Amino acid sequence: MSYKISISFLFFSIFLIFSCNNSNTTCENLAKGDVCVIVKNKSGKLIKSVELKHSKKPYKIENLENNQNANISYNSPGESSYQIAVIFEDGKRIKSNGSYTEGGYTMTEIIHENKIETKFGTTY
């Protein structure tokens, strides 16, 4: 009986590892009308806070290490826009100019030490 439990636990553990892999760095499995924003820290510094300001609600990522990625997705069946505000660990702040989006868009925000670079794509 304990052998079956051990095998079941092993399969469950493997399932969890693969189902959680890259869950915060990809834009897979978005619903129709969703926008995905991938945030990449290429600043050489720890980012204390990244805030995506969107008309419906703000989204926040905290403690984003250098060379770490995270994503934010939100539903936007029509036209919308957002702006990114970054606070580095040393207190320095930078903001993006703002980006226009529609559902199905994938945006990549690359955070450098002195600027935020925006790249555009679509998911469908």
Protein backbone atom coordinates (compact mmCIF):
# COMPACT_ATOMS: atom_id res chain seq x y z
CA MET A 1 0.00 0.00 0.00
CA SER A 2 2.78 2.48 0.84
CA TYR A 3 4.35 1.76 -2.57
CA LYS A 4 1.18 3.00 -4.32
CA ILE A 5 1.14 6.11 -2.15
CA SER A 6 4.80 6.80 -2.92
CA ILE A 7 4.23 6.43 -6.68
CA SER A 8 1.13 8.64 -6.50
CA PHE A 9 3.07 11.28 -4.59
CA LEU A 10 5.90 11.13 -7.14
CA PHE A 11 3.52 11.63 -10.11
CA PHE A 12 1.72 14.44 -8.31
CA SER A 13 5.05 16.17 -7.56
CA ILE A 14 6.16 15.89 -11.20
CA PHE A 15 2.81 17.27 -12.33
CA LEU A 16 3.18 20.27 -10.00
CA ILE A 17 6.70 21.00 -11.18
CA PHE A 18 5.73 21.01 -14.86
CA SER A 19 2.45 22.85 -14.39
CA CYS A 20 4.12 25.66 -12.40
CA ASN A 21 7.21 25.98 -14.57
CA ASN A 22 7.46 29.50 -16.10
CA SER A 23 3.97 30.39 -14.88
CA ASN A 24 5.10 33.93 -14.14
CA THR A 25 7.17 34.51 -17.27
CA THR A 26 4.98 33.44 -20.19
CA CYS A 27 1.77 34.57 -21.85
CA GLU A 28 0.37 31.13 -22.52
CA ASN A 29 -3.27 30.22 -21.97
CA LEU A 30 -4.71 33.73 -22.10
CA ALA A 31 -8.43 34.17 -22.57
CA LYS A 32 -9.79 36.05 -25.58
CA GLY A 33 -9.53 39.76 -24.89
CA ASP A 34 -6.60 39.44 -22.48
CA VAL A 35 -3.47 41.55 -22.65
CA CYS A 36 -0.17 40.19 -21.36
CA VAL A 37 2.65 42.48 -20.26
CA ILE A 38 6.02 40.81 -19.76
CA VAL A 39 8.30 42.83 -17.48
CA LYS A 40 12.05 42.19 -17.83
CA ASN A 41 14.56 43.64 -15.39
CA LYS A 42 17.73 44.41 -17.36
CA SER A 43 18.76 47.34 -15.13
CA GLY A 44 21.58 45.69 -13.22
CA LYS A 45 19.70 46.56 -10.01
CA LEU A 46 17.04 45.13 -7.74
CA ILE A 47 13.65 46.68 -8.48
CA LYS A 48 11.73 47.30 -5.29
CA SER A 49 8.42 47.84 -7.10
CA VAL A 50 6.93 47.79 -10.60
CA GLU A 51 3.42 49.16 -10.91
CA LEU A 52 1.32 48.82 -14.04
CA LYS A 53 -1.33 51.55 -13.99
CA HIS A 54 -4.37 50.54 -16.03
CA SER A 55 -7.83 52.12 -16.12
CA LYS A 56 -9.48 49.19 -14.31
CA LYS A 57 -6.99 48.60 -11.49
CA PRO A 58 -3.27 48.87 -10.78
CA TYR A 59 -1.05 45.77 -10.72
CA LYS A 60 2.10 45.54 -8.65
CA ILE A 61 5.22 43.37 -8.72
CA GLU A 62 7.67 43.62 -5.85
CA ASN A 63 11.34 42.68 -5.51
CA LEU A 64 12.15 41.90 -9.13
CA GLU A 65 15.78 40.79 -9.27
CA ASN A 66 18.14 41.77 -12.09
CA ASN A 67 17.62 39.50 -15.14
CA GLN A 68 14.32 38.26 -13.69
CA ASN A 69 11.06 38.36 -15.67
CA ALA A 70 7.47 38.55 -14.49
CA ASN A 71 4.17 39.01 -16.26
CA ILE A 72 0.90 40.76 -15.70
CA SER A 73 -2.24 39.92 -17.62
CA TYR A 74 -5.57 41.70 -17.62
CA ASN A 75 -8.76 41.59 -19.64
CA SER A 76 -9.22 44.34 -22.21
CA PRO A 77 -11.71 43.35 -24.93
CA GLY A 78 -11.48 46.85 -26.45
CA GLU A 79 -8.94 49.62 -26.63
CA SER A 80 -6.97 50.52 -23.51
CA SER A 81 -3.61 51.73 -22.33
CA TYR A 82 -1.26 51.38 -19.38
CA GLN A 83 1.82 53.01 -17.91
CA ILE A 84 4.67 51.39 -15.99
CA ALA A 85 6.23 53.05 -12.91
CA VAL A 86 9.42 51.58 -11.42
CA ILE A 87 11.05 52.19 -8.05
CA PHE A 88 14.56 50.78 -7.65
CA GLU A 89 15.95 49.61 -4.32
CA ASP A 90 18.03 52.81 -4.05
CA GLY A 91 14.85 54.95 -4.40
CA LYS A 92 15.40 56.03 -8.02
CA ARG A 93 12.16 56.19 -10.06
CA ILE A 94 11.47 55.90 -13.78
CA LYS A 95 8.22 55.75 -15.80
CA SER A 96 7.25 54.55 -19.24
CA ASN A 97 5.58 56.87 -21.74
CA GLY A 98 2.48 54.65 -21.76
CA SER A 99 1.35 51.98 -24.19
CA TYR A 100 -1.82 51.47 -26.23
CA THR A 101 -3.27 47.95 -26.13
CA GLU A 102 -6.18 45.83 -27.27
CA GLY A 103 -7.16 42.31 -26.29
CA GLY A 104 -4.72 39.80 -27.75
CA TYR A 105 -1.69 42.05 -27.43
CA THR A 106 1.52 40.92 -25.78
CA MET A 107 3.73 43.76 -24.65
CA THR A 108 7.27 43.44 -23.35
CA GLU A 109 8.59 46.14 -21.04
CA ILE A 110 12.37 45.99 -20.72
CA ILE A 111 13.50 47.99 -17.71
CA HIS A 112 16.95 49.52 -18.04
CA GLU A 113 18.71 51.69 -15.47
CA ASN A 114 17.51 54.98 -17.02
CA LYS A 115 14.61 54.06 -19.32
CA ILE A 116 11.85 51.57 -20.09
CA GLU A 117 11.86 50.05 -23.59
CA THR A 118 8.53 48.78 -24.98
CA LYS A 119 8.18 45.99 -27.55
CA PHE A 120 4.87 44.98 -29.13
CA GLY A 121 3.43 41.64 -30.25
CA THR A 122 0.13 39.76 -30.50
CA THR A 123 -0.96 36.47 -28.99
CA TYR A 124 -3.51 35.50 -31.68
